[in-house]
Protein backbone atom coordinates (compact mmCIF):
# COMPACT_ATOMS: atom_id res chain seq x y z
CA MET A 1 37.38 -54.82 -5.57
CA ASN A 2 34.03 -53.55 -6.80
CA SER A 3 34.53 -52.12 -10.24
CA GLU A 4 30.89 -51.13 -10.86
CA ASN A 5 30.25 -47.55 -11.86
CA PRO A 6 28.82 -45.47 -8.94
CA ASP A 7 26.29 -43.88 -11.27
CA ARG A 8 25.14 -47.34 -12.24
CA GLN A 9 24.73 -48.31 -8.56
CA GLU A 10 22.68 -45.15 -7.89
CA HIS A 11 20.62 -45.90 -10.96
CA GLN A 12 19.96 -49.43 -9.71
CA SER A 13 18.93 -48.14 -6.25
CA GLY A 14 16.29 -46.00 -7.99
CA VAL A 15 17.18 -42.68 -6.33
CA SER A 16 19.68 -40.23 -7.72
CA PRO A 17 21.73 -37.94 -5.47
CA ARG A 18 19.99 -34.92 -7.00
CA ARG A 19 16.57 -36.32 -6.19
CA ARG A 20 17.60 -37.19 -2.64
CA TRP A 21 18.98 -33.68 -2.23
CA ARG A 22 15.75 -32.12 -3.47
CA LYS A 23 13.70 -34.29 -1.16
CA SER A 24 15.81 -33.39 1.85
CA ILE A 25 15.47 -29.69 1.01
CA GLN A 26 11.68 -30.07 0.74
CA VAL A 27 11.49 -31.80 4.11
CA TRP A 28 13.70 -29.13 5.67
CA LEU A 29 11.52 -26.34 4.25
CA MET A 30 8.35 -28.01 5.51
CA LYS A 31 9.86 -28.29 8.99
CA VAL A 32 10.77 -24.61 8.94
CA LEU A 33 7.26 -23.77 7.73
CA VAL A 34 5.74 -25.84 10.54
CA LEU A 35 7.80 -23.93 13.10
CA LEU A 36 7.00 -20.50 11.64
CA ILE A 37 3.25 -21.12 11.40
CA SER A 38 3.28 -22.65 14.89
CA ILE A 39 4.96 -19.58 16.38
CA PHE A 40 2.53 -17.17 14.70
CA TRP A 41 -0.47 -19.36 15.61
CA CYS A 42 0.48 -19.55 19.27
CA LEU A 43 1.08 -15.80 19.38
CA ALA A 44 -2.28 -15.11 17.69
CA ILE A 45 -4.28 -17.39 19.99
CA SER A 46 -2.57 -15.88 23.04
CA ILE A 47 -3.53 -12.38 21.91
CA ARG A 48 -7.12 -13.51 21.27
CA PHE A 49 -7.36 -14.89 24.82
CA THR A 50 -5.81 -11.81 26.44
CA VAL A 51 -5.43 -8.27 25.06
CA ARG A 52 -7.16 -8.76 21.70
CA ASP A 53 -7.02 -5.32 19.97
CA SER A 54 -6.73 -3.22 23.12
CA SER A 55 -2.95 -2.96 23.21
CA SER A 56 -0.20 -2.16 20.71
CA VAL A 57 -0.45 -1.77 16.96
CA ILE A 58 1.36 -5.10 16.47
CA SER A 59 -1.04 -7.08 18.66
CA THR A 60 -4.00 -5.37 16.99
CA LEU A 61 -2.73 -6.27 13.52
CA ILE A 62 -2.20 -9.89 14.56
CA PHE A 63 -5.71 -9.97 16.07
CA TYR A 64 -7.27 -8.67 12.84
CA MET A 65 -5.15 -11.01 10.68
CA SER A 66 -6.13 -14.14 12.61
CA PRO A 67 -9.90 -14.61 12.78
CA LEU A 68 -11.00 -17.94 14.19
CA ILE A 69 -11.72 -19.50 10.82
CA LEU A 70 -8.13 -18.81 9.68
CA LEU A 71 -6.72 -20.09 12.97
CA SER A 72 -8.60 -23.35 12.47
CA LEU A 73 -7.40 -23.68 8.88
CA GLY A 74 -3.86 -22.76 9.93
CA ALA A 75 -3.82 -25.48 12.58
CA PHE A 76 -5.00 -28.00 9.99
CA VAL A 77 -2.22 -26.94 7.59
CA VAL A 78 0.35 -27.49 10.35
CA PHE A 79 -1.18 -30.93 11.00
CA VAL A 80 -0.75 -31.90 7.32
CA LEU A 81 2.81 -30.60 7.12
CA ALA A 82 3.86 -32.20 10.42
CA TRP A 83 2.42 -35.52 9.28
CA LYS A 84 4.37 -35.36 6.03
CA VAL A 85 7.68 -34.79 7.84
CA GLN A 86 6.99 -37.74 10.16
CA TRP A 87 6.28 -35.64 13.26
CA ARG A 88 3.32 -37.83 14.14
CA ARG A 89 2.75 -36.80 17.76
CA ILE A 90 3.03 -33.12 16.93
CA ALA A 91 0.64 -33.67 14.01
CA VAL A 92 -2.00 -35.20 16.30
CA ILE A 93 -1.76 -32.20 18.64
CA TRP A 94 -2.33 -29.81 15.76
CA LEU A 95 -5.27 -31.84 14.52
CA LEU A 96 -6.87 -31.49 17.95
CA LEU A 97 -6.15 -27.74 17.96
CA SER A 98 -7.74 -27.44 14.53
CA ILE A 99 -10.87 -29.20 15.77
CA LEU A 100 -11.05 -27.07 18.93
CA THR A 101 -10.66 -23.74 17.11
CA GLY A 102 -13.03 -24.93 14.39
CA THR A 103 -15.66 -25.71 17.02
CA TRP A 104 -15.10 -22.31 18.63
CA CYS A 105 -15.49 -20.65 15.23
CA TRP A 106 -18.65 -22.62 14.49
CA LYS A 107 -20.29 -21.59 17.76
CA THR A 108 -19.43 -17.91 17.43
CA GLN A 109 -19.42 -17.22 13.68
CA PHE A 110 -22.21 -19.49 12.46
CA GLN A 111 -25.70 -18.72 13.75
CA ASN A 112 -28.73 -20.94 13.24
CA GLY A 113 -31.49 -18.66 14.49
CA THR A 114 -32.40 -20.89 17.45
CA ASN A 115 -31.29 -18.37 20.07
CA ALA A 116 -33.78 -18.16 22.92
CA ASN A 117 -34.09 -14.41 22.37
CA ARG A 118 -35.25 -14.82 18.81
CA VAL A 119 -38.90 -13.88 18.28
CA SER A 120 -41.04 -16.04 16.02
CA LYS A 121 -44.23 -13.98 15.89
CA GLN A 122 -44.44 -11.28 13.24
CA ASP A 123 -47.25 -8.98 12.08
CA GLN A 124 -47.91 -6.09 9.78
CA SER A 125 -45.74 -3.79 11.90
CA THR A 126 -42.62 -5.71 10.85
CA LYS A 127 -40.01 -3.62 9.08
CA ARG A 128 -37.16 -4.85 6.93
CA VAL A 129 -33.86 -2.94 7.19
CA LEU A 130 -30.89 -3.26 4.84
CA PHE A 131 -27.31 -2.05 5.28
CA TRP A 132 -24.69 -2.40 2.55
CA ASN A 133 -21.24 -1.08 1.69
CA ILE A 134 -21.33 -0.89 -2.12
CA GLY A 135 -18.05 0.98 -2.61
CA ASP A 136 -15.87 -1.72 -4.20
CA ARG A 137 -18.39 -3.23 -6.55
CA LEU A 138 -17.51 -6.30 -8.55
CA TRP A 139 -20.47 -5.59 -10.86
CA GLY A 140 -22.40 -2.52 -11.91
CA LEU A 141 -24.71 -0.52 -9.69
CA GLU A 142 -27.74 -1.99 -11.42
CA HIS A 143 -26.97 -5.36 -9.81
CA ALA A 144 -27.05 -3.74 -6.37
CA ILE A 145 -30.39 -2.14 -7.25
CA ASN A 146 -31.77 -5.55 -8.28
CA GLU A 147 -30.72 -7.05 -4.93
CA MET A 148 -32.41 -4.20 -3.04
CA ARG A 149 -35.60 -4.60 -5.05
CA HIS A 150 -35.58 -8.33 -4.37
CA LEU A 151 -35.32 -7.74 -0.59
CA ASP A 152 -37.82 -4.86 -0.65
CA PRO A 153 -36.60 -3.24 2.62
CA ASP A 154 -38.42 -0.37 4.31
CA LEU A 155 -35.15 1.30 5.36
CA ILE A 156 -31.97 1.18 3.26
CA GLY A 157 -28.58 2.45 4.42
CA LEU A 158 -25.68 2.50 1.97
CA VAL A 159 -22.10 3.67 2.47
CA GLU A 160 -19.38 4.42 -0.08
CA ALA A 161 -22.25 4.97 -2.51
CA GLY A 162 -20.63 7.66 -4.62
CA ALA A 163 -20.76 11.43 -4.84
CA ASP A 164 -23.70 13.43 -3.50
CA SER A 165 -24.11 15.28 -6.77
CA ALA A 166 -27.41 16.49 -8.18
CA GLU A 167 -27.21 13.70 -10.76
CA MET A 168 -26.86 10.99 -8.09
CA LYS A 169 -29.71 12.43 -6.03
CA GLN A 170 -31.92 12.38 -9.11
CA PHE A 171 -30.75 8.84 -9.87
CA TRP A 172 -31.93 7.54 -6.50
CA LYS A 173 -35.26 9.34 -6.77
CA GLN A 174 -35.91 7.75 -10.14
CA THR A 175 -34.57 4.32 -9.11
CA CYS A 176 -36.36 4.00 -5.75
CA PRO A 177 -39.65 5.91 -6.06
CA ASP A 178 -41.27 3.67 -3.40
CA HIS A 179 -38.81 5.14 -0.87
CA PRO A 180 -39.93 8.78 -1.06
CA TYR A 181 -37.77 10.00 1.83
CA GLN A 182 -34.13 10.11 0.78
CA VAL A 183 -30.82 11.57 1.94
CA VAL A 184 -27.73 11.48 -0.28
CA GLN A 185 -24.76 13.06 1.49
CA ASN A 186 -21.00 12.52 1.95
CA GLY A 187 -21.01 9.08 0.33
CA PHE A 188 -24.04 7.97 2.37
CA VAL A 189 -27.40 7.07 0.88
CA PHE A 190 -30.42 6.58 3.14
CA LEU A 191 -33.76 5.57 1.63
CA SER A 192 -36.88 5.34 3.77
CA ARG A 193 -40.58 4.64 3.56
CA LEU A 194 -41.00 6.39 6.91
CA PRO A 195 -40.82 10.19 6.88
CA ILE A 196 -37.45 11.67 7.86
CA GLU A 197 -38.03 14.48 10.34
CA ASP A 198 -34.44 15.52 11.00
CA THR A 199 -30.93 14.78 9.68
CA SER A 200 -27.57 15.60 11.26
CA ALA A 201 -23.98 14.60 10.57
CA GLY A 202 -20.95 14.06 12.75
CA ARG A 203 -17.38 12.81 12.93
CA LEU A 204 -16.17 9.81 14.90
CA ALA A 205 -12.84 11.07 16.21
CA ASP A 206 -10.61 11.09 13.12
CA MET A 207 -11.59 7.54 12.15
CA GLY A 208 -15.06 7.84 10.66
CA GLN A 209 -18.29 9.71 10.15
CA TYR A 210 -22.00 9.20 10.57
CA LEU A 211 -25.41 10.52 9.63
CA LYS A 212 -28.20 10.53 12.22
CA PHE A 213 -31.85 10.47 11.23
CA SER A 214 -35.00 11.01 13.25
CA LEU A 215 -37.90 9.16 11.68
CA GLN A 216 -41.61 9.58 12.06
CA SER A 217 -43.15 6.45 13.53
CA ASP A 218 -46.11 4.83 11.80
CA HIS A 219 -47.61 3.96 15.20
CA PRO A 220 -48.88 6.68 17.55
CA ASP A 221 -47.59 4.93 20.67
CA VAL A 222 -44.01 4.50 19.43
CA ARG A 223 -41.54 7.30 20.02
CA ALA A 224 -39.73 8.62 16.97
CA PRO A 225 -37.10 6.05 15.95
CA ALA A 226 -33.52 7.15 15.33
CA VAL A 227 -31.05 5.69 12.83
CA PHE A 228 -27.26 6.07 12.75
CA LEU A 229 -25.60 5.34 9.42
CA VAL A 230 -21.89 4.78 10.13
CA ASP A 231 -18.71 4.40 8.11
CA ILE A 232 -15.47 3.86 10.05
CA TYR A 233 -12.30 4.16 8.00
CA SER A 234 -10.06 1.20 7.26
CA LYS A 235 -6.83 2.72 8.59
CA VAL A 236 -5.04 -0.42 9.70
CA LEU A 237 -2.50 1.35 11.89
CA LYS A 238 -5.02 3.45 13.85
CA SER A 239 -7.15 2.29 16.76
CA ARG A 240 -10.93 2.22 16.49
CA LYS A 241 -11.28 2.87 20.23
CA ALA A 242 -12.07 6.60 20.14
CA ALA A 243 -14.41 6.27 17.15
CA LEU A 244 -16.49 3.46 18.67
CA GLU A 245 -16.58 5.17 22.06
CA GLU A 246 -17.89 8.34 20.41
CA LEU A 247 -20.49 6.32 18.51
CA ALA A 248 -21.61 4.54 21.69
CA ASP A 249 -21.89 7.87 23.51
CA GLN A 250 -23.96 9.48 20.74
CA ALA A 251 -26.29 6.49 20.35
CA SER A 252 -26.74 5.87 24.08
CA GLN A 253 -27.98 9.41 24.66
CA LEU A 254 -31.17 8.37 22.86
CA ASN A 255 -32.11 5.95 25.59
CA GLN A 256 -35.88 6.42 25.51
CA GLN A 257 -36.63 5.58 21.89
CA PRO A 258 -35.89 2.89 19.29
CA VAL A 259 -32.40 3.26 17.82
CA LEU A 260 -30.78 1.44 14.90
CA VAL A 261 -27.03 1.62 14.24
CA LEU A 262 -26.16 0.54 10.70
CA GLY A 263 -22.53 0.52 9.69
CA ASP A 264 -19.35 -0.68 8.16
CA PHE A 265 -17.27 -0.59 11.33
CA ASN A 266 -14.08 -2.01 9.77
CA THR A 267 -13.72 -3.77 13.12
CA PRO A 268 -14.35 -7.45 13.94
CA GLY A 269 -17.40 -8.04 16.11
CA ASP A 270 -15.32 -9.56 18.93
CA SER A 271 -13.19 -6.43 19.29
CA VAL A 272 -12.90 -4.99 22.80
CA HIS A 273 -13.77 -1.59 21.35
CA PHE A 274 -17.40 -2.66 20.91
CA ASP A 275 -17.77 -3.03 24.69
CA PRO A 276 -19.14 0.54 25.20
CA LEU A 277 -21.75 -0.04 22.48
CA ARG A 278 -22.71 -3.42 23.94
CA LYS A 279 -23.85 -1.77 27.17
CA ASN A 280 -27.06 -0.57 25.51
CA PHE A 281 -27.07 -2.26 22.08
CA LYS A 282 -26.98 -5.76 20.66
CA ASN A 283 -25.62 -7.04 17.39
CA SER A 284 -28.71 -8.22 15.53
CA LEU A 285 -26.85 -11.13 13.92
CA GLU A 286 -25.83 -12.46 17.33
CA ILE A 287 -29.44 -12.36 18.54
CA ALA A 288 -31.52 -13.48 15.56
CA GLY A 289 -28.99 -14.39 12.91
CA ASP A 290 -28.97 -17.21 10.40
CA GLY A 291 -25.77 -18.29 8.67
CA TYR A 292 -22.19 -17.13 8.62
CA LEU A 293 -21.43 -13.78 10.27
CA ALA A 294 -18.33 -12.71 8.31
CA THR A 295 -19.03 -10.03 5.70
CA TRP A 296 -15.65 -9.25 4.10
CA PRO A 297 -13.94 -9.83 1.71
CA LEU A 298 -16.04 -11.59 -0.88
CA PRO A 299 -15.83 -14.15 -2.39
CA VAL A 300 -14.26 -15.65 0.77
CA PRO A 301 -15.27 -13.51 3.78
CA VAL A 302 -13.37 -14.03 7.02
CA LEU A 303 -14.10 -10.86 9.05
CA ASP A 304 -17.46 -9.59 10.34
CA LEU A 305 -16.92 -5.90 9.69
CA ASP A 306 -20.52 -4.87 8.91
CA GLY A 307 -23.61 -5.05 11.07
CA ILE A 308 -26.86 -3.64 12.39
CA TRP A 309 -27.08 -2.95 16.12
CA THR A 310 -30.35 -2.36 17.98
CA ASN A 311 -31.39 -1.18 21.44
CA GLU A 312 -34.03 -2.56 23.80
CA PHE A 313 -36.90 -0.72 22.09
CA ILE A 314 -36.58 -2.90 18.99
CA GLU A 315 -37.87 -6.45 18.60
CA LEU A 316 -35.76 -8.63 16.30
CA TYR A 317 -37.28 -11.41 14.22
CA HIS A 318 -34.60 -12.37 11.75
CA ALA A 319 -31.14 -11.27 10.62
CA GLU A 320 -28.81 -12.47 7.89
CA ASN A 321 -25.83 -11.57 5.78
CA ARG A 322 -26.80 -12.03 2.16
CA TRP A 323 -24.59 -13.82 -0.38
CA THR A 324 -24.11 -11.69 -3.48
CA TRP A 325 -21.32 -11.05 -5.98
CA VAL A 326 -22.03 -7.34 -6.35
CA SER A 327 -19.67 -5.83 -3.76
CA ASP A 328 -16.73 -7.09 -1.71
CA HIS A 329 -19.00 -6.62 1.35
CA ARG A 330 -22.04 -8.77 2.08
CA PRO A 331 -25.30 -6.87 2.66
CA VAL A 332 -26.86 -7.15 6.13
CA CYS A 333 -30.63 -7.50 6.31
CA ILE A 334 -32.87 -7.70 9.38
CA GLU A 335 -36.59 -7.98 10.09
CA MET A 336 -37.75 -6.09 13.17
CA SER A 337 -40.49 -3.99 14.73
CA PHE A 338 -40.59 -1.06 17.11
CA LYS A 339 -41.73 -2.09 20.57
CA LEU A 340 -44.82 -0.54 22.09
CA PRO A 341 -44.42 0.86 25.63
CA ALA A 342 -46.21 -2.13 27.17
CA GLU A 343 -43.90 -4.56 25.35
CA LYS A 344 -40.64 -3.06 26.58
């Protein structure tokens, strides 16, 4: 008969019952986590390959919550967890899925400016255009002003830029005297070195608003350029379809002149609701971009919500999303020129 104390035997084996119990609970929780993430991941990738954000509120939310960079990271997390719980074959599958989605993300969300459509020749007619949502600033407004002065753009479009009070209008006149043509209205600020001939405002269904500007060209052979400054609301439970269709309709009516569409669309660039706009416009970052396309939220952006779109009467040279710590949105900056009739 073995008269040794059980506690002594467990002590000699080096593992106490409590520790074994904790370890088994940890393994069980990791297995549950692997299954839960796997289910959500498979649902998200299925939606991305099929309906995207064109269907129900639930599918739209899942589409917005699962950009490619997060899908790739999620697959890698499942790989690590599956490996720890000894699910080796499953782990290898998830490692491959992480690599595949990571490659997909790299090809679509990281631009290197080598696109065949990118133009390398620039001259004195080149204009620099800046768009920026400065609403949720991490630092004071003076830091945003310093960034704008550093870039020295010819056209500046800002949204969520504060009240259109007399004090704010005077502030912008004093701060940006080299942009003599200014409009401060409904949270929008537009600063221009080109004369502004006409300004109008409009609603985008019940999901946003815009200002439209007609500019005076600095070249006699170029028709008056038009600029749309757009802010679409971040109502997560409402579709952007009607708002983006209205925007596409308004912008496409100006089909015989250069048109710029600057905006915080609160909609990922691969949304189906951009299809009407894509018929006549191109996302400048997809054509002549350098770097990572996502603009929100800083400091770790995962969604490309902001952008500058151009029509066929504009020649793009360079586009980038700037890295700053001023706002939770990255500023979008492009270099472009207005095409002459013979160049179209």
